Structures are given as structure tokens and as C-alpha cells.
Protein backbone atom coordinates (compact mmCIF):
# COMPACT_ATOMS: atom_id res chain seq x y z
CA UNK A 1 183.39 133.60 -107.35
CA UNK A 2 182.09 136.01 -110.06
CA UNK A 3 178.88 138.02 -109.85
CA UNK A 4 176.82 135.46 -111.83
CA UNK A 5 178.02 132.59 -109.64
CA UNK A 6 177.27 134.50 -106.47
CA UNK A 7 173.73 135.22 -107.73
CA UNK A 8 173.13 131.53 -108.49
CA UNK A 9 174.49 130.56 -105.05
CA UNK A 10 172.18 133.02 -103.27
CA UNK A 11 169.16 131.85 -105.26
CA UNK A 12 169.86 128.20 -104.40
CA UNK A 13 170.34 129.12 -100.72
CA UNK A 14 167.07 131.04 -100.64
CA UNK A 15 165.21 128.14 -102.26
CA UNK A 16 166.73 125.67 -99.80
CA UNK A 17 165.82 127.92 -96.87
CA UNK A 18 162.23 128.31 -98.10
CA UNK A 19 161.92 124.56 -98.54
CA UNK A 20 163.21 123.98 -95.02
CA UNK A 21 160.73 126.47 -93.56
CA UNK A 22 157.86 124.84 -95.48
CA UNK A 23 158.88 121.39 -94.30
CA UNK A 24 159.12 122.65 -90.72
CA UNK A 25 155.62 124.14 -90.95
CA UNK A 26 154.22 120.88 -92.29
CA UNK A 27 155.90 118.88 -89.50
CA UNK A 28 154.65 121.35 -86.87
CA UNK A 29 151.11 121.15 -88.22
CA UNK A 30 151.27 117.36 -88.29
CA UNK A 31 152.57 117.27 -84.70
CA UNK A 32 149.81 119.62 -83.56
CA UNK A 33 147.21 117.43 -85.26
CA UNK A 34 148.58 114.29 -83.60
CA UNK A 35 149.02 115.98 -80.21
CA UNK A 36 146.53 118.86 -79.88
CA UNK A 37 147.77 119.73 -76.37
CA UNK A 38 151.40 120.15 -77.48
CA UNK A 39 152.72 123.67 -76.99
CA UNK A 40 155.78 125.46 -78.36
CA UNK A 41 158.59 125.86 -75.85
CA UNK A 42 158.30 129.64 -76.26
CA UNK A 43 154.52 129.78 -75.90
CA UNK A 44 152.61 130.09 -72.61
CA UNK A 45 150.18 127.28 -71.96
CA UNK A 46 146.55 128.25 -71.47
CA UNK A 47 145.08 127.09 -68.14
CA UNK A 48 141.43 126.81 -67.11
CA UNK A 49 140.73 126.41 -63.38
CA UNK A 50 137.48 124.59 -62.57
CA UNK A 51 136.08 125.10 -59.06
CA UNK A 52 137.39 128.24 -57.37
CA UNK A 53 135.56 128.57 -54.07
CA UNK A 54 138.27 126.93 -51.97
CA UNK A 55 141.34 125.03 -53.06
CA UNK A 56 141.02 126.43 -56.58
CA UNK A 57 142.30 129.78 -55.30
CA UNK A 58 145.65 128.12 -54.72
CA UNK A 59 145.54 126.75 -58.28
CA UNK A 60 145.04 130.28 -59.59
CA UNK A 61 148.10 131.40 -57.66
CA UNK A 62 150.23 128.44 -58.68
CA UNK A 63 149.54 128.68 -62.40
CA UNK A 64 149.29 132.45 -62.34
CA UNK A 65 152.87 132.94 -61.22
CA UNK A 66 154.53 130.48 -63.63
CA UNK A 67 156.31 131.92 -66.64
CA UNK A 68 155.12 128.94 -68.67
CA UNK A 69 151.36 129.22 -68.01
CA UNK A 70 148.60 131.78 -68.30
CA UNK A 71 145.22 131.45 -66.58
CA UNK A 72 142.76 132.24 -69.35
CA UNK A 73 139.50 130.73 -68.05
CA UNK A 74 137.69 130.21 -64.75
CA UNK A 75 134.79 127.78 -64.49
CA UNK A 76 132.43 127.41 -61.53
CA UNK A 77 128.78 126.44 -61.06
CA UNK A 78 128.47 129.42 -58.69
CA UNK A 79 128.55 132.45 -60.98
CA UNK A 80 129.07 134.93 -58.15
CA UNK A 81 132.15 133.03 -56.98
CA UNK A 82 133.48 132.58 -60.52
CA UNK A 83 133.09 136.22 -61.50
CA UNK A 84 134.62 137.39 -58.22
CA UNK A 85 137.69 135.21 -58.77
CA UNK A 86 138.04 136.62 -62.31
CA UNK A 87 138.04 140.16 -60.86
CA UNK A 88 140.51 139.23 -58.13
CA UNK A 89 142.85 137.57 -60.60
CA UNK A 90 142.78 140.62 -62.87
CA UNK A 91 143.55 142.92 -59.93
CA UNK A 92 146.59 140.80 -59.04
CA UNK A 93 147.86 140.22 -62.59
CA UNK A 94 148.01 143.58 -64.27
CA UNK A 95 144.42 143.63 -65.49
CA UNK A 96 144.55 140.25 -67.22
CA UNK A 97 141.02 138.97 -66.55
CA UNK A 98 140.24 135.31 -67.26
CA UNK A 99 137.03 134.49 -69.12
CA UNK A 100 134.28 133.11 -66.90
CA UNK A 101 132.47 129.95 -68.08
CA UNK A 102 129.74 128.33 -65.98
CA UNK A 103 129.47 124.90 -67.67
CA UNK A 104 132.56 122.71 -67.97
CA UNK A 105 131.14 121.13 -71.12
CA UNK A 106 131.17 124.51 -72.84
CA UNK A 107 134.66 125.18 -71.50
CA UNK A 108 136.05 121.97 -72.99
CA UNK A 109 134.87 122.93 -76.47
CA UNK A 110 137.61 125.58 -76.48
CA UNK A 111 140.58 124.10 -78.33
CA UNK A 112 142.94 126.86 -77.17
CA UNK A 113 142.98 125.53 -73.59
CA UNK A 114 145.98 123.30 -72.87
CA UNK A 115 145.51 122.51 -69.16
CA UNK A 116 142.44 122.02 -66.98
CA UNK A 117 143.03 122.33 -63.25
CA UNK A 118 140.22 120.82 -61.14
CA UNK A 119 139.27 121.81 -57.58
CA UNK A 120 135.55 121.05 -57.57
CA UNK A 121 133.73 119.09 -54.86
CA UNK A 122 134.92 115.46 -54.75
CA UNK A 123 131.97 113.96 -56.63
CA UNK A 124 132.99 115.92 -59.75
CA UNK A 125 136.74 115.16 -59.74
CA UNK A 126 136.81 112.00 -61.85
CA UNK A 127 134.24 113.00 -64.47
CA UNK A 128 135.79 116.43 -64.94
CA UNK A 129 139.22 114.82 -65.36
CA UNK A 130 137.99 112.21 -67.84
CA UNK A 131 136.09 114.73 -69.94
CA UNK A 132 139.12 117.04 -69.96
CA UNK A 133 141.49 114.28 -71.03
CA UNK A 134 139.10 113.18 -73.76
CA UNK A 135 139.06 116.79 -74.98
CA UNK A 136 142.85 116.67 -75.34
CA UNK A 137 143.75 118.62 -72.19
CA UNK A 138 146.40 117.89 -69.61
CA UNK A 139 144.95 117.78 -66.09
CA UNK A 140 145.85 118.74 -62.55
CA UNK A 141 143.13 117.24 -60.29
CA UNK A 142 142.71 117.73 -56.58
CA UNK A 143 142.64 114.97 -54.02
CA UNK A 144 140.89 112.64 -53.69
CA UNK A 145 140.97 112.07 -57.43
CA UNK A 146 137.71 110.13 -57.23
CA UNK A 147 134.52 109.83 -55.23
CA UNK A 148 134.66 106.02 -55.43
CA UNK A 149 137.19 103.34 -56.32
CA UNK A 150 136.08 102.41 -59.82
CA UNK A 151 135.96 105.92 -61.23
CA UNK A 152 139.52 106.52 -60.02
CA UNK A 153 140.73 103.61 -62.14
CA UNK A 154 138.78 105.07 -65.09
CA UNK A 155 140.75 108.33 -64.82
CA UNK A 156 144.01 106.36 -64.97
CA UNK A 157 142.79 104.49 -68.04
CA UNK A 158 141.76 107.72 -69.76
CA UNK A 159 145.12 109.38 -69.05
CA UNK A 160 146.99 106.46 -70.61
CA UNK A 161 144.63 106.03 -73.57
CA UNK A 162 144.78 109.67 -74.61
CA UNK A 163 148.42 110.17 -73.61
CA UNK A 164 147.71 113.10 -71.31
CA UNK A 165 149.67 114.25 -68.26
CA UNK A 166 147.49 113.99 -65.13
CA UNK A 167 148.87 115.14 -61.77
CA UNK A 168 147.23 114.47 -58.38
CA UNK A 169 147.02 117.33 -55.90
CA UNK A 170 148.91 115.55 -53.09
CA UNK A 171 151.61 118.20 -52.93
CA UNK A 172 153.63 116.53 -50.16
CA UNK A 173 155.06 114.28 -52.88
CA UNK A 174 156.93 117.31 -54.22
CA UNK A 175 158.14 118.55 -50.83
CA UNK A 176 161.93 118.36 -50.45
CA UNK A 177 161.74 117.32 -46.79
CA UNK A 178 159.17 114.60 -47.41
CA UNK A 179 161.09 113.19 -50.37
CA UNK A 180 164.25 113.03 -48.28
CA UNK A 181 162.35 111.26 -45.49
CA UNK A 182 161.03 108.67 -47.91
CA UNK A 183 164.49 108.08 -49.36
CA UNK A 184 165.77 107.54 -45.81
CA UNK A 185 162.97 105.08 -45.00
CA UNK A 186 163.28 103.16 -48.27
CA UNK A 187 167.05 103.06 -47.88
CA UNK A 188 166.76 101.10 -44.63
CA UNK A 189 167.22 104.05 -42.26
CA UNK A 190 164.77 102.57 -39.73
CA UNK A 191 165.22 98.94 -40.72
CA UNK A 192 162.34 96.89 -42.06
CA UNK A 193 159.13 98.94 -42.12
CA UNK A 194 156.26 97.25 -40.30
CA UNK A 195 153.58 99.91 -39.73
CA UNK A 196 152.73 103.26 -41.29
CA UNK A 197 150.27 105.27 -39.22
CA UNK A 198 148.37 108.26 -40.58
CA UNK A 199 146.92 110.83 -38.21
CA UNK A 200 144.13 113.28 -38.96
CA UNK A 201 143.66 114.85 -35.54
CA UNK A 202 141.75 117.90 -36.73
CA UNK A 203 138.85 119.17 -34.62
CA UNK A 204 135.66 119.82 -36.60
CA UNK A 205 132.58 121.37 -35.08
CA UNK A 206 128.93 120.72 -35.88
CA UNK A 207 127.80 121.78 -39.36
CA UNK A 208 124.30 122.63 -38.11
CA UNK A 209 120.97 120.88 -38.00
CA UNK A 210 119.75 118.75 -40.88
CA UNK A 211 116.86 120.31 -42.77
CA UNK A 212 115.82 121.54 -46.19
CA UNK A 213 117.73 124.56 -47.41
CA UNK A 214 117.89 126.53 -50.63
CA UNK A 215 121.18 126.65 -52.55
CA UNK A 216 122.58 130.15 -53.16
CA UNK A 217 120.73 131.92 -55.98
CA UNK A 218 124.02 132.32 -57.86
CA UNK A 219 124.50 128.52 -58.05
CA UNK A 220 123.38 126.44 -61.01
CA UNK A 221 122.35 123.53 -58.78
CA UNK A 222 121.93 121.09 -61.66
CA UNK A 223 125.55 121.67 -62.69
CA UNK A 224 126.73 121.56 -59.09
CA UNK A 225 125.06 118.18 -58.54
CA UNK A 226 126.50 116.80 -61.77
CA UNK A 227 126.99 113.01 -61.28
CA UNK A 228 125.11 112.96 -57.96
CA UNK A 229 121.43 112.10 -57.76
CA UNK A 230 118.82 114.84 -57.57
CA UNK A 231 118.38 115.76 -53.91
CA UNK A 232 117.50 118.73 -51.75
CA UNK A 233 120.19 120.60 -49.83
CA UNK A 234 120.12 119.34 -46.23
CA UNK A 235 123.00 121.35 -44.70
CA UNK A 236 122.84 125.01 -43.63
CA UNK A 237 126.14 126.04 -45.26
CA UNK A 238 126.12 125.10 -48.94
CA UNK A 239 129.82 125.36 -49.75
CA UNK A 240 132.49 123.23 -48.04
CA UNK A 241 130.18 121.33 -45.67
CA UNK A 242 129.38 118.88 -48.48
CA UNK A 243 132.59 117.14 -47.33
CA UNK A 244 130.63 115.47 -44.51
CA UNK A 245 127.84 114.07 -46.68
CA UNK A 246 128.44 110.82 -48.56
CA UNK A 247 126.76 111.88 -51.81
CA UNK A 248 129.43 114.53 -52.42
CA UNK A 249 132.35 114.01 -50.05
CA UNK A 250 134.29 111.30 -48.25
CA UNK A 251 134.62 112.68 -44.73
CA UNK A 252 137.99 113.65 -43.36
CA UNK A 253 139.47 110.43 -44.77
CA UNK A 254 139.12 111.96 -48.24
CA UNK A 255 139.51 115.60 -47.24
CA UNK A 256 142.56 116.05 -45.01
CA UNK A 257 143.32 112.37 -44.49
CA UNK A 258 144.04 111.53 -48.13
CA UNK A 259 147.35 113.40 -47.85
CA UNK A 260 148.53 111.27 -44.94
CA UNK A 261 147.01 108.08 -46.38
CA UNK A 262 149.08 108.69 -49.51
CA UNK A 263 152.26 109.24 -47.49
CA UNK A 264 151.69 106.06 -45.48
CA UNK A 265 151.31 103.97 -48.62
CA UNK A 266 154.43 105.62 -50.07
CA UNK A 267 156.38 104.83 -46.90
CA UNK A 268 155.31 101.18 -47.05
CA UNK A 269 156.36 100.96 -50.70
CA UNK A 270 152.99 99.47 -51.63
CA UNK A 271 151.71 100.08 -55.16
CA UNK A 272 148.47 98.14 -54.91
CA UNK A 273 145.41 97.81 -52.72
CA UNK A 274 145.62 95.78 -49.48
CA UNK A 275 144.58 92.19 -48.79
CA UNK A 276 142.06 93.11 -46.08
CA UNK A 277 140.39 96.24 -44.73
CA UNK A 278 138.34 97.12 -41.67
CA UNK A 279 137.07 100.37 -40.16
CA UNK A 280 135.16 101.39 -37.04
CA UNK A 281 133.92 104.61 -35.49
CA UNK A 282 131.04 107.05 -35.62
CA UNK A 283 129.95 110.68 -35.43
CA UNK A 284 130.07 111.77 -31.80
CA UNK A 285 129.78 114.89 -29.67
CA UNK A 286 126.89 116.49 -31.57
CA UNK A 287 123.97 115.68 -33.87
CA UNK A 288 124.00 117.56 -37.15
CA UNK A 289 123.55 117.31 -40.92
CA UNK A 290 126.84 115.45 -41.26
CA UNK A 291 126.85 111.76 -42.20
CA UNK A 292 130.52 110.78 -42.16
CA UNK A 293 132.42 109.68 -39.07
CA UNK A 294 134.30 112.26 -37.03
CA UNK A 295 136.01 109.50 -35.03
CA UNK A 296 137.28 106.66 -37.21
CA UNK A 297 140.00 104.06 -37.39
CA UNK A 298 140.88 102.27 -40.64
CA UNK A 299 143.24 99.30 -40.90
CA UNK A 300 144.65 98.09 -44.22
CA UNK A 301 146.44 94.76 -44.07
CA UNK A 302 149.26 94.17 -46.57
CA UNK A 303 150.38 90.90 -45.02
CA UNK A 304 153.70 91.67 -43.36
CA UNK A 305 152.83 95.36 -43.16
CA UNK A 306 149.86 97.33 -41.86
CA UNK A 307 148.60 100.81 -42.64
CA UNK A 308 146.65 102.21 -39.70
CA UNK A 309 144.72 105.45 -40.04
CA UNK A 310 143.11 107.52 -37.28
CA UNK A 311 140.58 110.33 -37.70
CA UNK A 312 139.75 112.42 -34.63
CA UNK A 313 137.35 115.30 -35.21
CA UNK A 314 136.99 116.18 -31.52
CA UNK A 315 139.68 117.98 -29.48
CA UNK A 316 142.65 115.71 -28.81
CA UNK A 317 146.30 115.76 -27.85
CA UNK A 318 149.08 114.74 -30.20
CA UNK A 319 150.49 111.25 -30.59
CA UNK A 320 154.29 111.01 -30.62
CA UNK A 321 154.43 114.72 -31.46
CA UNK A 322 152.09 114.60 -34.46
CA UNK A 323 148.48 115.69 -34.96
CA UNK A 324 148.18 115.87 -38.75
CA UNK A 325 151.06 113.72 -39.97
CA UNK A 326 152.45 110.21 -40.24
CA UNK A 327 154.45 107.85 -38.05
CA UNK A 328 156.45 105.11 -39.78
CA UNK A 329 157.67 102.30 -37.53
CA UNK A 330 160.55 100.01 -38.44
CA UNK A 331 162.63 97.32 -36.76
CA UNK A 332 165.46 99.80 -35.99
CA UNK A 333 163.57 103.02 -35.28
CA UNK A 334 160.79 105.28 -36.48
CA UNK A 335 160.08 108.47 -38.42
CA UNK A 336 157.58 111.12 -37.36
CA UNK A 337 156.54 113.65 -40.02
CA UNK A 338 154.61 116.43 -38.30
CA UNK A 339 153.72 118.44 -41.41
CA UNK A 340 153.56 118.14 -45.20
CA UNK A 341 157.33 118.61 -45.42
CA UNK A 342 159.07 118.35 -42.04
CA UNK A 343 159.86 115.77 -39.39
CA UNK A 344 162.52 113.64 -37.72
CA UNK A 345 163.86 110.11 -37.58
CA UNK A 346 164.53 108.40 -34.24
CA UNK A 347 166.36 105.26 -33.19
CA UNK A 348 164.68 102.57 -31.05
CA UNK A 349 165.59 104.42 -27.84
CA UNK A 350 163.85 107.58 -29.02
CA UNK A 351 166.99 109.55 -29.84
CA UNK A 352 166.67 111.86 -32.86
CA UNK A 353 169.09 110.77 -35.59
CA UNK A 354 168.03 112.78 -38.64
CA UNK A 355 165.88 115.80 -39.49
CA UNK A 356 163.94 116.53 -42.67
CA UNK A 357 162.62 119.85 -43.98
CA UNK A 358 162.03 121.73 -47.21
CA UNK A 359 159.07 123.05 -49.17
CA UNK A 360 157.28 121.86 -52.29
CA UNK A 361 157.03 122.75 -55.98
CA UNK A 362 154.08 120.66 -57.12
CA UNK A 363 152.76 122.93 -59.84
CA UNK A 364 156.26 123.34 -61.25
CA UNK A 365 156.68 119.58 -61.37
CA UNK A 366 153.42 119.22 -63.30
CA UNK A 367 154.23 122.03 -65.72
CA UNK A 368 157.65 120.52 -66.43
CA UNK A 369 156.12 117.10 -67.15
CA UNK A 370 153.62 118.70 -69.55
CA UNK A 371 156.33 120.64 -71.37
CA UNK A 372 158.42 117.49 -71.71
CA UNK A 373 155.37 115.35 -72.54
CA UNK A 374 156.46 112.72 -70.01
CA UNK A 375 154.07 111.58 -67.27
CA UNK A 376 156.87 109.59 -65.64
CA UNK A 377 158.37 112.90 -64.48
CA UNK A 378 155.34 113.47 -62.24
CA UNK A 379 155.82 113.22 -58.50
CA UNK A 380 152.12 112.37 -58.10
CA UNK A 381 150.93 110.65 -61.26
CA UNK A 382 147.22 109.90 -61.43
CA UNK A 383 147.78 106.22 -60.60
CA UNK A 384 149.36 107.19 -57.29
CA UNK A 385 146.34 109.37 -56.64
CA UNK A 386 143.93 106.60 -57.54
CA UNK A 387 145.51 104.02 -55.23
CA UNK A 388 145.67 106.36 -52.23
CA UNK A 389 142.15 107.70 -52.81
CA UNK A 390 140.92 104.12 -53.05
CA UNK A 391 142.33 103.37 -49.58
CA UNK A 392 140.08 106.11 -48.19
CA UNK A 393 137.07 104.75 -50.05
CA UNK A 394 137.74 101.20 -48.81
CA UNK A 395 137.65 102.40 -45.22
CA UNK A 396 134.31 104.10 -45.74
CA UNK A 397 132.87 101.06 -47.52
CA UNK A 398 133.77 98.85 -44.57
CA UNK A 399 132.22 101.30 -42.13
CA UNK A 400 128.98 101.74 -44.09
CA UNK A 401 128.48 97.98 -44.36
CA UNK A 402 129.07 97.40 -40.67
CA UNK A 403 126.74 97.17 -37.70
CA UNK A 404 126.44 98.98 -34.41
CA UNK A 405 127.88 97.32 -31.33
CA UNK A 406 128.27 98.47 -27.73
CA UNK A 407 131.64 100.01 -27.05
CA UNK A 408 132.22 97.43 -24.34
CA UNK A 409 131.83 94.66 -26.92
CA UNK A 410 134.16 96.20 -29.51
CA UNK A 411 137.44 94.61 -28.30
CA UNK A 412 136.12 91.05 -28.48
CA UNK A 413 134.33 91.62 -31.79
CA UNK A 414 137.35 93.23 -33.43
CA UNK A 415 139.82 90.66 -32.13
CA UNK A 416 137.95 87.84 -33.91
CA UNK A 417 139.50 89.00 -37.19
CA UNK A 418 142.44 91.18 -36.07
CA UNK A 419 144.97 89.76 -33.61
CA UNK A 420 147.77 92.32 -33.96
CA UNK A 421 148.72 94.02 -30.68
CA UNK A 422 149.13 97.44 -32.26
CA UNK A 423 145.63 97.37 -33.76
CA UNK A 424 144.11 96.61 -30.36
CA UNK A 425 146.23 99.32 -28.73
CA UNK A 426 145.00 101.81 -31.34
CA UNK A 427 141.42 100.91 -30.40
CA UNK A 428 142.15 101.55 -26.73
CA UNK A 429 143.64 104.98 -27.49
CA UNK A 430 140.60 105.88 -29.62
CA UNK A 431 138.34 104.98 -26.70
CA UNK A 432 140.39 107.09 -24.30
CA UNK A 433 140.11 110.00 -26.71
CA UNK A 434 136.32 109.81 -26.49
CA UNK A 435 136.45 109.61 -22.71
CA UNK A 436 138.66 112.71 -22.68
CA UNK A 437 135.78 114.44 -24.48
CA UNK A 438 133.31 113.34 -21.77
CA UNK A 439 131.81 110.58 -23.93
CA UNK A 440 131.22 107.32 -22.05
CA UNK A 441 132.24 104.41 -24.24
CA UNK A 442 130.82 101.23 -22.64
CA UNK A 443 127.25 101.78 -23.88
CA UNK A 444 128.23 103.95 -26.83
CA UNK A 445 126.97 102.70 -30.19
CA UNK A 446 130.08 102.10 -32.31
CA UNK A 447 129.82 101.27 -36.01
CA UNK A 448 132.02 98.21 -36.47
CA UNK A 449 132.70 97.82 -40.17
CA UNK A 450 132.93 94.54 -42.01
CA UNK A 451 136.35 92.97 -42.43
CA UNK A 452 136.58 92.93 -46.22
CA UNK A 453 138.81 90.62 -48.24
CA UNK A 454 140.22 92.07 -51.48
CA UNK A 455 141.72 90.95 -54.74
CA UNK A 456 144.36 93.70 -55.09
CA UNK A 457 145.01 93.01 -58.76
CA UNK A 458 141.36 93.18 -59.81
CA UNK A 459 140.61 95.96 -57.27
CA UNK A 460 137.44 94.15 -56.17
CA UNK A 461 136.19 92.49 -53.01
CA UNK A 462 136.21 88.71 -52.73
CA UNK A 463 132.79 87.11 -52.41
CA UNK A 464 131.00 90.26 -51.26
CA UNK A 465 128.41 91.59 -53.68
CA UNK A 466 127.27 94.37 -51.34
CA UNK A 467 130.81 95.73 -51.00
CA UNK A 468 131.48 95.46 -54.74
CA UNK A 469 128.32 97.48 -55.42
CA UNK A 470 129.86 100.34 -53.43
CA UNK A 471 132.97 100.45 -55.62
CA UNK A 472 130.92 102.68 -57.89
CA UNK A 473 127.68 104.69 -57.68
CA UNK A 474 124.49 105.32 -59.63
CA UNK A 475 125.16 108.30 -61.89
CA UNK A 476 122.70 110.94 -63.08
CA UNK A 477 122.49 111.46 -66.84
CA UNK A 478 124.15 113.10 -68.65
CA UNK A 479 126.88 113.30 -65.98
CA UNK A 480 127.93 109.65 -66.21
CA UNK A 481 131.45 108.34 -65.65
CA UNK A 482 131.91 106.03 -68.65
CA UNK A 483 132.82 102.37 -68.25
CA UNK A 484 134.81 102.55 -71.48
CA UNK A 485 136.88 105.73 -71.57
């Protein structure tokens, strides 16, 4: 090739290369326009953590240590808490200080944010997730994903409509030991599964006398209330103790219990709501500002299978080796998981036949699904979170709609609708637990919830207007969960 030919060849090559680069830039721009949350494989994703007084601290750690994410923003209605977390994060991450933003609405105007991680009080979870998805963000949202049943379904609809990745914070679903246990159960390791029992044996003391208290001066109370109705603070400790008041929390069913409720449903292989639900219990041992039950049993009937859940907020001994865990009973044996990731399988005689253990990587699972733009990679997709959260809400709806009966009358009243031996035995054990705490049960006023019939496909109650009204709540403008996402 002579000099002239070589020059022509180089010129053509340069033109072709320039054209290829231009085309690539156009395609990248078009892809970014179509998918504003898409991120280059070599670029760190920007994360905003919303709600950092409690569980959000773990979110900061989880996203802060990943090589694929960078925590750039912290949002909290309590400015003192938010600013303190910004300082702490900077101290632990080489001086990189996230920007503090008080109002989530202002935060979501920032187009540079790729992921919003939500650890607010429960009554904010669904609205924060929906607004974030509508703003083009991927979402990691703590459990329970909703404060009521209907808004949980709205989050699922929003995730699908806007093609966003939404992970639920039930991290046991990413635990190696738990996943192995579920594979063993679903593979027939204990025969046909009949009952999954969730235990939340977690002593909780009084939260103090009901009264009228001022929120901390650093809190924007209007923002904190968000979707909830305007109301005075009636608990002495502002943060955390909202869990035990229905306007903001869901009791220990939706606090600790949602983890075990989710695992029970997973063990049963049920991907819908039950046919019937009932709950009974009350708040015993002290009188305080709390409203939710500290002693509660919930039964979900799936026909040939039952999910039985027990909350004990007073001191108690374990059941079959578990306090906060699940027990899955089959025709050939049973599995007892005593933590988020560890437990054993036993044959019918009680002999241990298999052991499960191994930690979790829930944030990593979420980050991978976002990078691959595939929600089916998620171990705890938002629909899983919605269904399990709804089981907690159904139990509380039954309880709220019930009536008080004498403890001595409870067996006969309950047996009118529930004949199963195990359900009656569970009631007897709950009564003994109260007696162990020096609470006489015969004349005790027990809230016996309504037995509620459901249409699992429609996610509504059958012929019960009062129960259907509690599938949602009255929202406070402008913090309204939309009916059409």
C-alpha cells in the first residue's frame, strides 16, 4: 500500500470511528431518556436514604460499603437526626458527607438520584415508595411495605407501571440458611406441609402514660405526620414508640412479626391472601399510651393449610426451641428456624435430620437486580412484601372489629368458627402464658376478633363493609396515596 492509499485508508477509518462514537452517544442518550434511572456499568449509583433514626442506619451501612453505590443524600423530618447521620457517614467514609434534605418532595426533584431507600415510620412507607417510583427511582423499602392492605397493592402497581426495581426489607429471604431450609421444605423434606407457625415472643415494656406531649423541636411535625391525620403526640417518647399506635404503626405484627409472617407464607408456598382470618388478644400487664395488642394470636386459613401467628410481649419461655422464629409442620416431620438464617429439620420422632445456617446479602441482591434491570432477580420483590404485610394488616382488622369476651368464654366462642385442634391448643398455650405472668384469665377481657371471609383474588372481604373500609385509611392532603398510580 503506497503513502496515498494509506492516507485514504486512515481517513476512512477515522470517519467510521467518529460515526460509530456519534451513533453510540445518540443511542445512550435515547436509552437514558427512555429509562432515566439506568446507570452505566462503570458508574456508581446515587442513593438517598429516607428516615435515618433507626433502621435507616443499616441502610447507610449497606449502601455505603457497596462498590456500585454512593450515598449522596439523607432525608429525615427530624433535622437534628438527619444532620447527625450526615456527619457520622462522613466520618466513616473519608469525609464524603451526604447532602441533607428535610422534605422528600424536594429530594425527588433531584434527577441525579438513582435509588431511594426508605426506613421511615410505617405510615410513610407506601407513599414514599410510590412517589419515588413515579420520579423514576428504584426503591428499597422497609417492612411492612404498607400501613394498610390497599396501599401495598398500589406500590406493586406503581413498580410495574414505571418499570422500577422495588425490594422489600425482609432480609431473611436473602439468607443462605433460610433459602436452604425453604428448598428442603418445598422439596418434600418434611412431607406435606400443614401448618406454618410464626413466633414473635419479644418482651416489650410499657411506653409510658398517655397524655399530650410536644414533638422534638428539631422535627417538622407536619412532614412527620404526612398521610396521617392531624393529631397531638400522646406518647412520651416520640421516636420508635409510634409502632404501638394504630395511626402510625401496626404493633409487633408489623414490626418484628412481619419477618416471620413472610417466612411462614413462603414455607406454605402461598402467593395470595387466605380464605379466612381471625385474631384475638389484648394489651395486658400495664396501662400505657400503646393501642396495639401485646398478646395476640392470628389465624389465616388457606383451606388445607393454616398459618398461625403468636405475639407475646410479656416475658415467656420458648416454644420448641424458638422465641422469634418459625415452626413448619409437615406429615413427615418439622422445621424449626430459630433466627433469620439458622435452624434445623426434625423427623416425626424429634430426631434432628438436617441443619441450616448462613448469612444474608439483601442489599447486594437489590443492587444486582437494579444493575441488570430485572425485578425477577429480587429475593423479596415488592409483591412478596405486599402479600406478607397484608397478612399482618388482616389480623389487626379482625381484632379491631371484634368484641370483648370473658376469657372463660373464649374457647366456646372461638370454636364456633374454628374446629381445628391445633388452633384450640394454641389458645390454651396463650392463656397459660398470661397465667405465668400472674394475669388471671377467666374474667379477663379478651378482644375476640371477627372471623372474616376473603376473596383472595380481589383482596377484599366478602359481605363486610366495615372490614373493607379498613383496607385503606383517610389520608391528609397533600400526602394522599393515589388510587391510580
